[in-house]
PDB file of N, CA and C in Angstrom:
ATOM      1  N   MET A   1      46.138  -6.303  10.965  1.00  0.00           N
ATOM      2  CA  MET A   1      45.765  -5.022  10.426  1.00  0.00           C
ATOM      3  C   MET A   1      44.702  -5.168   9.328  1.00  0.00           C
ATOM      4  N   LYS A   2      44.845  -6.205   8.486  1.00  0.00           N
ATOM      5  CA  LYS A   2      43.873  -6.422   7.418  1.00  0.00           C
ATOM      6  C   LYS A   2      42.497  -6.748   7.988  1.00  0.00           C
ATOM      7  N   LYS A   3      42.461  -7.498   9.083  1.00  0.00           N
ATOM      8  CA  LYS A   3      41.185  -7.843   9.708  1.00  0.00           C
ATOM      9  C   LYS A   3      40.504  -6.593  10.254  1.00  0.00           C
ATOM     10  N   LEU A   4      41.292  -5.705  10.851  1.00  0.00           N
ATOM     11  CA  LEU A   4      40.741  -4.464  11.400  1.00  0.00           C
ATOM     12  C   LEU A   4      40.172  -3.603  10.270  1.00  0.00           C
ATOM     13  N   MET A   5      40.897  -3.496   9.176  1.00  0.00           N
ATOM     14  CA  MET A   5      40.445  -2.699   8.040  1.00  0.00           C
ATOM     15  C   MET A   5      39.159  -3.295   7.442  1.00  0.00           C
ATOM     16  N   ALA A   6      39.102  -4.609   7.322  1.00  0.00           N
ATOM     17  CA  ALA A   6      37.910  -5.269   6.804  1.00  0.00           C
ATOM     18  C   ALA A   6      36.718  -5.033   7.726  1.00  0.00           C
ATOM     19  N   PHE A   7      36.960  -5.100   9.031  1.00  0.00           N
ATOM     20  CA  PHE A   7      35.903  -4.860  10.011  1.00  0.00           C
ATOM     21  C   PHE A   7      35.380  -3.428   9.902  1.00  0.00           C
ATOM     22  N   VAL A   8      36.257  -2.461   9.806  1.00  0.00           N
ATOM     23  CA  VAL A   8      35.868  -1.060   9.711  1.00  0.00           C
ATOM     24  C   VAL A   8      35.061  -0.821   8.420  1.00  0.00           C
ATOM     25  N   LEU A   9      35.516  -1.380   7.304  1.00  0.00           N
ATOM     26  CA  LEU A   9      34.788  -1.214   6.054  1.00  0.00           C
ATOM     27  C   LEU A   9      33.395  -1.855   6.120  1.00  0.00           C
ATOM     28  N   ALA A  10      33.301  -3.025   6.731  1.00  0.00           N
ATOM     29  CA  ALA A  10      32.009  -3.689   6.883  1.00  0.00           C
ATOM     30  C   ALA A  10      31.078  -2.866   7.775  1.00  0.00           C
ATOM     31  N   LEU A  11      31.602  -2.292   8.820  1.00  0.00           N
ATOM     32  CA  LEU A  11      30.816  -1.463   9.728  1.00  0.00           C
ATOM     33  C   LEU A  11      30.299  -0.214   9.016  1.00  0.00           C
ATOM     34  N   VAL A  12      31.150   0.436   8.245  1.00  0.00           N
ATOM     35  CA  VAL A  12      30.735   1.619   7.486  1.00  0.00           C
ATOM     36  C   VAL A  12      29.637   1.246   6.490  1.00  0.00           C
ATOM     37  N   TYR A  13      29.781   0.118   5.824  1.00  0.00           N
ATOM     38  CA  TYR A  13      28.778  -0.344   4.867  1.00  0.00           C
ATOM     39  C   TYR A  13      27.434  -0.573   5.557  1.00  0.00           C
ATOM     40  N   LEU A  14      27.439  -1.249   6.699  1.00  0.00           N
ATOM     41  CA  LEU A  14      26.198  -1.544   7.416  1.00  0.00           C
ATOM     42  C   LEU A  14      25.517  -0.275   7.900  1.00  0.00           C
ATOM     43  N   ILE A  15      26.294   0.666   8.406  1.00  0.00           N
ATOM     44  CA  ILE A  15      25.718   1.931   8.868  1.00  0.00           C
ATOM     45  C   ILE A  15      25.100   2.675   7.695  1.00  0.00           C
ATOM     46  N   GLY A  16      25.767   2.650   6.559  1.00  0.00           N
ATOM     47  CA  GLY A  16      25.233   3.297   5.361  1.00  0.00           C
ATOM     48  C   GLY A  16      23.939   2.673   4.897  1.00  0.00           C
ATOM     49  N   MET A  17      23.845   1.358   4.953  1.00  0.00           N
ATOM     50  CA  MET A  17      22.624   0.675   4.516  1.00  0.00           C
ATOM     51  C   MET A  17      21.457   0.974   5.449  1.00  0.00           C
ATOM     52  N   VAL A  18      21.690   1.031   6.731  1.00  0.00           N
ATOM     53  CA  VAL A  18      20.627   1.318   7.692  1.00  0.00           C
ATOM     54  C   VAL A  18      20.128   2.738   7.504  1.00  0.00           C
ATOM     55  N   GLY A  19      20.997   3.666   7.213  1.00  0.00           N
ATOM     56  CA  GLY A  19      20.621   5.055   7.036  1.00  0.00           C
ATOM     57  C   GLY A  19      19.811   5.307   5.782  1.00  0.00           C
ATOM     58  N   CYS A  20      19.819   4.404   4.821  1.00  0.00           N
ATOM     59  CA  CYS A  20      19.120   4.614   3.554  1.00  0.00           C
ATOM     60  C   CYS A  20      17.630   4.306   3.631  1.00  0.00           C
ATOM     61  N   SER A  21      17.211   3.514   4.567  1.00  0.00           N
ATOM     62  CA  SER A  21      15.807   3.140   4.616  1.00  0.00           C
ATOM     63  C   SER A  21      14.983   4.280   5.218  1.00  0.00           C
ATOM     64  N   LYS A  22      13.803   4.515   4.625  1.00  0.00           N
ATOM     65  CA  LYS A  22      12.919   5.582   5.065  1.00  0.00           C
ATOM     66  C   LYS A  22      11.905   5.008   6.047  1.00  0.00           C
ATOM     67  N   SER A  23      11.595   5.779   7.085  1.00  0.00           N
ATOM     68  CA  SER A  23      10.585   5.328   8.036  1.00  0.00           C
ATOM     69  C   SER A  23       9.195   5.481   7.424  1.00  0.00           C
ATOM     70  N   MET A  24       8.245   4.734   7.954  1.00  0.00           N
ATOM     71  CA  MET A  24       6.872   4.801   7.463  1.00  0.00           C
ATOM     72  C   MET A  24       6.324   6.216   7.636  1.00  0.00           C
ATOM     73  N   HIS A  25       6.614   6.860   8.745  1.00  0.00           N
ATOM     74  CA  HIS A  25       6.146   8.231   8.987  1.00  0.00           C
ATOM     75  C   HIS A  25       6.699   9.180   7.924  1.00  0.00           C
ATOM     76  N   TYR A  26       7.982   9.074   7.619  1.00  0.00           N
ATOM     77  CA  TYR A  26       8.596   9.924   6.599  1.00  0.00           C
ATOM     78  C   TYR A  26       7.925   9.693   5.240  1.00  0.00           C
ATOM     79  N   ILE A  27       7.708   8.437   4.888  1.00  0.00           N
ATOM     80  CA  ILE A  27       7.095   8.104   3.601  1.00  0.00           C
ATOM     81  C   ILE A  27       5.696   8.716   3.496  1.00  0.00           C
ATOM     82  N   ILE A  28       4.877   8.545   4.527  1.00  0.00           N
ATOM     83  CA  ILE A  28       3.502   9.055   4.503  1.00  0.00           C
ATOM     84  C   ILE A  28       3.480  10.576   4.410  1.00  0.00           C
ATOM     85  N   GLU A  29       4.394  11.230   5.090  1.00  0.00           N
ATOM     86  CA  GLU A  29       4.423  12.691   5.094  1.00  0.00           C
ATOM     87  C   GLU A  29       5.026  13.296   3.830  1.00  0.00           C
ATOM     88  N   ASN A  30       5.938  12.599   3.144  1.00  0.00           N
ATOM     89  CA  ASN A  30       6.732  13.236   2.093  1.00  0.00           C
ATOM     90  C   ASN A  30       6.642  12.649   0.692  1.00  0.00           C
ATOM     91  N   GLU A  31       6.141  11.460   0.522  1.00  0.00           N
ATOM     92  CA  GLU A  31       6.171  10.830  -0.798  1.00  0.00           C
ATOM     93  C   GLU A  31       4.829  10.968  -1.509  1.00  0.00           C
ATOM     94  N   PRO A  32       4.849  11.037  -2.864  1.00  0.00           N
ATOM     95  CA  PRO A  32       3.594  11.093  -3.612  1.00  0.00           C
ATOM     96  C   PRO A  32       2.770   9.828  -3.375  1.00  0.00           C
ATOM     97  N   ASN A  33       1.446   9.951  -3.492  1.00  0.00           N
ATOM     98  CA  ASN A  33       0.603   8.778  -3.263  1.00  0.00           C
ATOM     99  C   ASN A  33      -0.641   8.823  -4.136  1.00  0.00           C
ATOM    100  N   ILE A  34      -1.216   7.664  -4.325  1.00  0.00           N
ATOM    101  CA  ILE A  34      -2.498   7.512  -5.005  1.00  0.00           C
ATOM    102  C   ILE A  34      -3.347   6.546  -4.192  1.00  0.00           C
ATOM    103  N   THR A  35      -4.654   6.622  -4.372  1.00  0.00           N
ATOM    104  CA  THR A  35      -5.573   5.725  -3.686  1.00  0.00           C
ATOM    105  C   THR A  35      -6.396   4.984  -4.734  1.00  0.00           C
ATOM    106  N   GLY A  36      -6.614   3.702  -4.485  1.00  0.00           N
ATOM    107  CA  GLY A  36      -7.399   2.915  -5.422  1.00  0.00           C
ATOM    108  C   GLY A  36      -8.025   1.703  -4.752  1.00  0.00           C
ATOM    109  N   ILE A  37      -8.881   1.035  -5.506  1.00  0.00           N
ATOM    110  CA  ILE A  37      -9.572  -0.168  -5.040  1.00  0.00           C
ATOM    111  C   ILE A  37      -8.902  -1.387  -5.675  1.00  0.00           C
ATOM    112  N   VAL A  38      -8.575  -2.395  -4.861  1.00  0.00           N
ATOM    113  CA  VAL A  38      -7.926  -3.615  -5.355  1.00  0.00           C
ATOM    114  C   VAL A  38      -8.920  -4.411  -6.195  1.00  0.00           C
ATOM    115  N   LYS A  39      -8.531  -4.688  -7.462  1.00  0.00           N
ATOM    116  CA  LYS A  39      -9.360  -5.491  -8.362  1.00  0.00           C
ATOM    117  C   LYS A  39      -8.870  -6.931  -8.449  1.00  0.00           C
ATOM    118  N   GLU A  40      -7.535  -7.104  -8.422  1.00  0.00           N
ATOM    119  CA  GLU A  40      -6.929  -8.437  -8.505  1.00  0.00           C
ATOM    120  C   GLU A  40      -5.715  -8.485  -7.592  1.00  0.00           C
ATOM    121  N   VAL A  41      -5.463  -9.674  -7.031  1.00  0.00           N
ATOM    122  CA  VAL A  41      -4.294  -9.895  -6.196  1.00  0.00           C
ATOM    123  C   VAL A  41      -3.463 -10.999  -6.823  1.00  0.00           C
ATOM    124  N   HIS A  42      -2.183 -10.724  -7.071  1.00  0.00           N
ATOM    125  CA  HIS A  42      -1.257 -11.690  -7.640  1.00  0.00           C
ATOM    126  C   HIS A  42      -0.066 -11.840  -6.704  1.00  0.00           C
ATOM    127  N   HIS A  43       0.823 -12.756  -7.023  1.00  0.00           N
ATOM    128  CA  HIS A  43       1.976 -13.029  -6.160  1.00  0.00           C
ATOM    129  C   HIS A  43       2.894 -11.808  -6.017  1.00  0.00           C
ATOM    130  N   ASN A  44       3.200 -11.119  -7.116  1.00  0.00           N
ATOM    131  CA  ASN A  44       4.172 -10.021  -7.089  1.00  0.00           C
ATOM    132  C   ASN A  44       3.555  -8.636  -7.256  1.00  0.00           C
ATOM    133  N   TYR A  45       2.265  -8.566  -7.531  1.00  0.00           N
ATOM    134  CA  TYR A  45       1.642  -7.258  -7.749  1.00  0.00           C
ATOM    135  C   TYR A  45       0.147  -7.335  -7.479  1.00  0.00           C
ATOM    136  N   ILE A  46      -0.440  -6.142  -7.348  1.00  0.00           N
ATOM    137  CA  ILE A  46      -1.889  -6.030  -7.267  1.00  0.00           C
ATOM    138  C   ILE A  46      -2.349  -5.135  -8.417  1.00  0.00           C
ATOM    139  N   LEU A  47      -3.567  -5.346  -8.871  1.00  0.00           N
ATOM    140  CA  LEU A  47      -4.182  -4.489  -9.875  1.00  0.00           C
ATOM    141  C   LEU A  47      -5.217  -3.650  -9.147  1.00  0.00           C
ATOM    142  N   ILE A  48      -5.092  -2.329  -9.264  1.00  0.00           N
ATOM    143  CA  ILE A  48      -6.045  -1.434  -8.604  1.00  0.00           C
ATOM    144  C   ILE A  48      -6.778  -0.602  -9.657  1.00  0.00           C
ATOM    145  N   TYR A  49      -7.962  -0.146  -9.274  1.00  0.00           N
ATOM    146  CA  TYR A  49      -8.708   0.817 -10.077  1.00  0.00           C
ATOM    147  C   TYR A  49      -8.609   2.138  -9.332  1.00  0.00           C
ATOM    148  N   MET A  50      -8.176   3.185 -10.057  1.00  0.00           N
ATOM    149  CA  MET A  50      -8.048   4.494  -9.421  1.00  0.00           C
ATOM    150  C   MET A  50      -8.746   5.543 -10.259  1.00  0.00           C
ATOM    151  N   GLU A  51      -9.317   6.507  -9.589  1.00  0.00           N
ATOM    152  CA  GLU A  51      -9.887   7.658 -10.275  1.00  0.00           C
ATOM    153  C   GLU A  51      -8.818   8.738 -10.259  1.00  0.00           C
ATOM    154  N   THR A  52      -8.563   9.321 -11.432  1.00  0.00           N
ATOM    155  CA  THR A  52      -7.505  10.311 -11.542  1.00  0.00           C
ATOM    156  C   THR A  52      -7.894  11.376 -12.552  1.00  0.00           C
ATOM    157  N   ASP A  53      -7.330  12.564 -12.421  1.00  0.00           N
ATOM    158  CA  ASP A  53      -7.656  13.686 -13.295  1.00  0.00           C
ATOM    159  C   ASP A  53      -7.325  13.395 -14.760  1.00  0.00           C
ATOM    160  N   GLY A  54      -6.247  12.683 -15.016  1.00  0.00           N
ATOM    161  CA  GLY A  54      -5.819  12.428 -16.387  1.00  0.00           C
ATOM    162  C   GLY A  54      -6.687  11.439 -17.143  1.00  0.00           C
ATOM    163  N   TYR A  55      -7.501  10.679 -16.431  1.00  0.00           N
ATOM    164  CA  TYR A  55      -8.348   9.659 -17.053  1.00  0.00           C
ATOM    165  C   TYR A  55      -9.776   9.869 -16.552  1.00  0.00           C
ATOM    166  N   PRO A  56     -10.646  10.449 -17.394  1.00  0.00           N
ATOM    167  CA  PRO A  56     -11.990  10.826 -16.921  1.00  0.00           C
ATOM    168  C   PRO A  56     -12.841   9.650 -16.451  1.00  0.00           C
ATOM    169  N   HIS A  57     -12.566   8.445 -16.922  1.00  0.00           N
ATOM    170  CA  HIS A  57     -13.340   7.277 -16.499  1.00  0.00           C
ATOM    171  C   HIS A  57     -12.543   6.388 -15.559  1.00  0.00           C
ATOM    172  N   GLY A  58     -11.469   6.922 -14.990  1.00  0.00           N
ATOM    173  CA  GLY A  58     -10.617   6.143 -14.111  1.00  0.00           C
ATOM    174  C   GLY A  58      -9.643   5.291 -14.903  1.00  0.00           C
ATOM    175  N   ALA A  59      -8.789   4.567 -14.197  1.00  0.00           N
ATOM    176  CA  ALA A  59      -7.776   3.746 -14.861  1.00  0.00           C
ATOM    177  C   ALA A  59      -7.371   2.592 -13.964  1.00  0.00           C
ATOM    178  N   ASP A  60      -6.976   1.492 -14.612  1.00  0.00           N
ATOM    179  CA  ASP A  60      -6.397   0.363 -13.898  1.00  0.00           C
ATOM    180  C   ASP A  60      -4.897   0.573 -13.811  1.00  0.00           C
ATOM    181  N   CYS A  61      -4.299   0.080 -12.739  1.00  0.00           N
ATOM    182  CA  CYS A  61      -2.863   0.247 -12.528  1.00  0.00           C
ATOM    183  C   CYS A  61      -2.321  -0.960 -11.778  1.00  0.00           C
ATOM    184  N   THR A  62      -1.232  -1.556 -12.298  1.00  0.00           N
ATOM    185  CA  THR A  62      -0.571  -2.618 -11.547  1.00  0.00           C
ATOM    186  C   THR A  62       0.424  -1.968 -10.591  1.00  0.00           C
ATOM    187  N   VAL A  63       0.494  -2.507  -9.388  1.00  0.00           N
ATOM    188  CA  VAL A  63       1.359  -1.972  -8.346  1.00  0.00           C
ATOM    189  C   VAL A  63       2.229  -3.100  -7.820  1.00  0.00           C
ATOM    190  N   SER A  64       3.536  -2.912  -7.892  1.00  0.00           N
ATOM    191  CA  SER A  64       4.479  -3.918  -7.409  1.00  0.00           C
ATOM    192  C   SER A  64       4.321  -4.121  -5.905  1.00  0.00           C
ATOM    193  N   LEU A  65       4.408  -5.369  -5.469  1.00  0.00           N
ATOM    194  CA  LEU A  65       4.386  -5.669  -4.033  1.00  0.00           C
ATOM    195  C   LEU A  65       5.795  -5.773  -3.457  1.00  0.00           C
ATOM    196  N   ASN A  66       6.801  -5.437  -4.258  1.00  0.00           N
ATOM    197  CA  ASN A  66       8.186  -5.391  -3.792  1.00  0.00           C
ATOM    198  C   ASN A  66       8.422  -4.004  -3.188  1.00  0.00           C
ATOM    199  N   VAL A  67       7.917  -3.800  -1.969  1.00  0.00           N
ATOM    200  CA  VAL A  67       7.959  -2.487  -1.332  1.00  0.00           C
ATOM    201  C   VAL A  67       9.259  -2.294  -0.565  1.00  0.00           C
ATOM    202  N   GLU A  68       9.709  -1.037  -0.498  1.00  0.00           N
ATOM    203  CA  GLU A  68      10.957  -0.727   0.209  1.00  0.00           C
ATOM    204  C   GLU A  68      10.800  -0.849   1.714  1.00  0.00           C
ATOM    205  N   ASN A  69       9.698  -0.310   2.270  1.00  0.00           N
ATOM    206  CA  ASN A  69       9.513  -0.323   3.713  1.00  0.00           C
ATOM    207  C   ASN A  69       8.867  -1.643   4.112  1.00  0.00           C
ATOM    208  N   LYS A  70       9.539  -2.411   4.907  1.00  0.00           N
ATOM    209  CA  LYS A  70       9.056  -3.739   5.276  1.00  0.00           C
ATOM    210  C   LYS A  70       7.907  -3.703   6.279  1.00  0.00           C
ATOM    211  N   ASP A  71       7.567  -2.505   6.822  1.00  0.00           N
ATOM    212  CA  ASP A  71       6.388  -2.368   7.686  1.00  0.00           C
ATOM    213  C   ASP A  71       5.115  -2.229   6.860  1.00  0.00           C
ATOM    214  N   SER A  72       5.272  -2.116   5.559  1.00  0.00           N
ATOM    215  CA  SER A  72       4.153  -1.940   4.653  1.00  0.00           C
ATOM    216  C   SER A  72       3.312  -3.208   4.569  1.00  0.00           C
ATOM    217  N   MET A  73       2.037  -3.033   4.242  1.00  0.00           N
ATOM    218  CA  MET A  73       1.176  -4.190   3.992  1.00  0.00           C
ATOM    219  C   MET A  73       1.497  -4.761   2.623  1.00  0.00           C
ATOM    220  N   THR A  74       1.410  -6.070   2.485  1.00  0.00           N
ATOM    221  CA  THR A  74       1.606  -6.716   1.186  1.00  0.00           C
ATOM    222  C   THR A  74       0.568  -7.810   0.937  1.00  0.00           C
ATOM    223  N   HIS A  75      -0.394  -7.970   1.843  1.00  0.00           N
ATOM    224  CA  HIS A  75      -1.450  -8.964   1.673  1.00  0.00           C
ATOM    225  C   HIS A  75      -2.794  -8.238   1.634  1.00  0.00           C
ATOM    226  N   PHE A  76      -3.488  -8.376   0.517  1.00  0.00           N
ATOM    227  CA  PHE A  76      -4.728  -7.638   0.315  1.00  0.00           C
ATOM    228  C   PHE A  76      -5.825  -8.559  -0.182  1.00  0.00           C
ATOM    229  N   SER A  77      -7.056  -8.056  -0.112  1.00  0.00           N
ATOM    230  CA  SER A  77      -8.219  -8.758  -0.644  1.00  0.00           C
ATOM    231  C   SER A  77      -8.859  -7.889  -1.714  1.00  0.00           C
ATOM    232  N   VAL A  78      -9.518  -8.520  -2.666  1.00  0.00           N
ATOM    233  CA  VAL A  78     -10.242  -7.782  -3.687  1.00  0.00           C
ATOM    234  C   VAL A  78     -11.284  -6.918  -2.983  1.00  0.00           C
ATOM    235  N   GLY A  79     -11.347  -5.654  -3.349  1.00  0.00           N
ATOM    236  CA  GLY A  79     -12.286  -4.715  -2.740  1.00  0.00           C
ATOM    237  C   GLY A  79     -11.658  -3.797  -1.712  1.00  0.00           C
ATOM    238  N   ASP A  80     -10.463  -4.121  -1.223  1.00  0.00           N
ATOM    239  CA  ASP A  80      -9.776  -3.243  -0.269  1.00  0.00           C
ATOM    240  C   ASP A  80      -9.460  -1.906  -0.928  1.00  0.00           C
ATOM    241  N   GLU A  81      -9.593  -0.816  -0.181  1.00  0.00           N
ATOM    242  CA  GLU A  81      -9.147   0.494  -0.655  1.00  0.00           C
ATOM    243  C   GLU A  81      -7.762   0.726  -0.068  1.00  0.00           C
ATOM    244  N   VAL A  82      -6.783   0.977  -0.935  1.00  0.00           N
ATOM    245  CA  VAL A  82      -5.395   1.103  -0.503  1.00  0.00           C
ATOM    246  C   VAL A  82      -4.813   2.441  -0.944  1.00  0.00           C
ATOM    247  N   THR A  83      -3.791   2.886  -0.211  1.00  0.00           N
ATOM    248  CA  THR A  83      -3.024   4.057  -0.594  1.00  0.00           C
ATOM    249  C   THR A  83      -1.614   3.598  -0.907  1.00  0.00           C
ATOM    250  N   ILE A  84      -1.129   3.978  -2.082  1.00  0.00           N
ATOM    251  CA  ILE A  84       0.184   3.584  -2.570  1.00  0.00           C
ATOM    252  C   ILE A  84       1.108   4.790  -2.469  1.00  0.00           C
ATOM    253  N   TYR A  85       2.235   4.640  -1.781  1.00  0.00           N
ATOM    254  CA  TYR A  85       3.267   5.674  -1.704  1.00  0.00           C
ATOM    255  C   TYR A  85       4.404   5.222  -2.610  1.00  0.00           C
ATOM    256  N   TYR A  86       4.770   6.072  -3.573  1.00  0.00           N
ATOM    257  CA  TYR A  86       5.693   5.649  -4.623  1.00  0.00           C
ATOM    258  C   TYR A  86       6.609   6.800  -5.013  1.00  0.00           C
ATOM    259  N   ASP A  87       7.473   6.573  -5.999  1.00  0.00           N
ATOM    260  CA  ASP A  87       8.469   7.578  -6.390  1.00  0.00           C
ATOM    261  C   ASP A  87       7.926   8.660  -7.315  1.00  0.00           C
ATOM    262  N   GLY A  88       6.649   8.633  -7.636  1.00  0.00           N
ATOM    263  CA  GLY A  88       6.053   9.649  -8.495  1.00  0.00           C
ATOM    264  C   GLY A  88       6.000   9.267  -9.959  1.00  0.00           C
ATOM    265  N   THR A  89       6.549   8.115 -10.306  1.00  0.00           N
ATOM    266  CA  THR A  89       6.580   7.678 -11.699  1.00  0.00           C
ATOM    267  C   THR A  89       5.536   6.591 -11.933  1.00  0.00           C
ATOM    268  N   ILE A  90       4.665   6.848 -12.928  1.00  0.00           N
ATOM    269  CA  ILE A  90       3.686   5.845 -13.346  1.00  0.00           C
ATOM    270  C   ILE A  90       3.945   5.572 -14.819  1.00  0.00           C
ATOM    271  N   ALA A  91       4.253   4.316 -15.150  1.00  0.00           N
ATOM    272  CA  ALA A  91       4.523   3.936 -16.534  1.00  0.00           C
ATOM    273  C   ALA A  91       3.218   3.997 -17.330  1.00  0.00           C
ATOM    274  N   GLU A  92       3.253   4.683 -18.448  1.00  0.00           N
ATOM    275  CA  GLU A  92       2.079   4.843 -19.318  1.00  0.00           C
ATOM    276  C   GLU A  92       1.919   3.617 -20.207  1.00  0.00           C
ATOM    277  N   SER A  93       1.412   2.556 -19.652  1.00  0.00           N
ATOM    278  CA  SER A  93       1.144   1.324 -20.393  1.00  0.00           C
ATOM    279  C   SER A  93      -0.312   0.971 -20.159  1.00  0.00           C
ATOM    280  N   ASP A  94      -0.744  -0.158 -20.656  1.00  0.00           N
ATOM    281  CA  ASP A  94      -2.113  -0.591 -20.424  1.00  0.00           C
ATOM    282  C   ASP A  94      -2.087  -1.969 -19.781  1.00  0.00           C
ATOM    283  N   PRO A  95      -2.345  -2.103 -18.489  1.00  0.00           N
ATOM    284  CA  PRO A  95      -2.691  -1.032 -17.565  1.00  0.00           C
ATOM    285  C   PRO A  95      -1.461  -0.209 -17.168  1.00  0.00           C
ATOM    286  N   LEU A  96      -1.712   0.924 -16.504  1.00  0.00           N
ATOM    287  CA  LEU A  96      -0.623   1.739 -15.968  1.00  0.00           C
ATOM    288  C   LEU A  96       0.194   0.881 -15.004  1.00  0.00           C
ATOM    289  N   GLN A  97       1.439   1.292 -14.719  1.00  0.00           N
ATOM    290  CA  GLN A  97       2.294   0.510 -13.814  1.00  0.00           C
ATOM    291  C   GLN A  97       3.030   1.412 -12.835  1.00  0.00           C
ATOM    292  N   ILE A  98       3.072   0.980 -11.583  1.00  0.00           N
ATOM    293  CA  ILE A  98       3.920   1.610 -10.569  1.00  0.00           C
ATOM    294  C   ILE A  98       4.884   0.537 -10.109  1.00  0.00           C
ATOM    295  N   ASN A  99       6.166   0.761 -10.387  1.00  0.00           N
ATOM    296  CA  ASN A  99       7.175  -0.252 -10.080  1.00  0.00           C
ATOM    297  C   ASN A  99       7.999   0.060  -8.838  1.00  0.00           C
ATOM    298  N   THR A 100       8.230   1.335  -8.534  1.00  0.00           N
ATOM    299  CA  THR A 100       9.003   1.705  -7.344  1.00  0.00           C
ATOM    300  C   THR A 100       8.032   2.134  -6.255  1.00  0.00           C
ATOM    301  N   VAL A 101       7.773   1.224  -5.333  1.00  0.00           N
ATOM    302  CA  VAL A 101       6.787   1.437  -4.276  1.00  0.00           C
ATOM    303  C   VAL A 101       7.518   1.514  -2.941  1.00  0.00           C
ATOM    304  N   TYR A 102       7.253   2.601  -2.204  1.00  0.00           N
ATOM    305  CA  TYR A 102       7.861   2.759  -0.885  1.00  0.00           C
ATOM    306  C   TYR A 102       7.027   2.087   0.197  1.00  0.00           C
ATOM    307  N   ALA A 103       5.699   2.205   0.100  1.00  0.00           N
ATOM    308  CA  ALA A 103       4.817   1.595   1.101  1.00  0.00           C
ATOM    309  C   ALA A 103       3.403   1.537   0.553  1.00  0.00           C
ATOM    310  N   ILE A 104       2.612   0.620   1.111  1.00  0.00           N
ATOM    311  CA  ILE A 104       1.198   0.505   0.793  1.00  0.00           C
ATOM    312  C   ILE A 104       0.455   0.411   2.129  1.00  0.00           C
ATOM    313  N   THR A 105      -0.582   1.239   2.281  1.00  0.00           N
ATOM    314  CA  THR A 105      -1.379   1.180   3.504  1.00  0.00           C
ATOM    315  C   THR A 105      -2.829   0.859   3.151  1.00  0.00           C
ATOM    316  N   LEU A 106      -3.507   0.233   4.060  1.00  0.00           N
ATOM    317  CA  LEU A 106      -4.924  -0.099   3.891  1.00  0.00           C
ATOM    318  C   LEU A 106      -5.753   1.082   4.370  1.00  0.00           C
ATOM    319  N   LYS A 107      -6.529   1.660   3.463  1.00  0.00           N
ATOM    320  CA  LYS A 107      -7.365   2.797   3.818  1.00  0.00           C
ATOM    321  C   LYS A 107      -8.717   2.316   4.313  1.00  0.00           C
ATOM    322  N   THR A 108      -9.361   1.410   3.547  1.00  0.00           N
ATOM    323  CA  THR A 108     -10.647   0.849   3.926  1.00  0.00           C
ATOM    324  C   THR A 108     -10.655  -0.633   3.537  1.00  0.00           C
ATOM    325  N   PRO A 109     -10.824  -1.535   4.508  1.00  0.00           N
ATOM    326  CA  PRO A 109     -10.866  -2.962   4.160  1.00  0.00           C
ATOM    327  C   PRO A 109     -12.164  -3.306   3.457  1.00  0.00           C
ATOM    328  N   THR A 110     -12.119  -4.394   2.692  1.00  0.00           N
ATOM    329  CA  THR A 110     -13.330  -4.879   2.041  1.00  0.00           C
ATOM    330  C   THR A 110     -14.321  -5.335   3.108  1.00  0.00           C
ATOM    331  N   GLU A 111     -15.588  -5.250   2.778  1.00  0.00           N
ATOM    332  CA  GLU A 111     -16.615  -5.614   3.785  1.00  0.00           C
ATOM    333  C   GLU A 111     -17.001  -7.056   3.664  1.00  0.00           C
TER     334      GLU A 111
END
């Protein structure tokens, strides 16, 4: 009986975990996003330059490469134009920071 109960609990847990992940289509259609040009590539993050209403001369922003959707791109080159889908929160630091990233897509590759 204990084995059956453990199996049922494990099954419920696995089903719950699978249901939590968002599809790439859902993310693109529903999550806030920004677009920027990759300035630097590091192991855990990229530094992008973005033009935004709040900063008349644009702003640099670090973007975590620890993305939720595993179909997302995580390998970039300096000069790539990327779109970042995130939770809507940008930390007001220097440079700005986006830590909760759902997906990153390549808009225009570097030439």
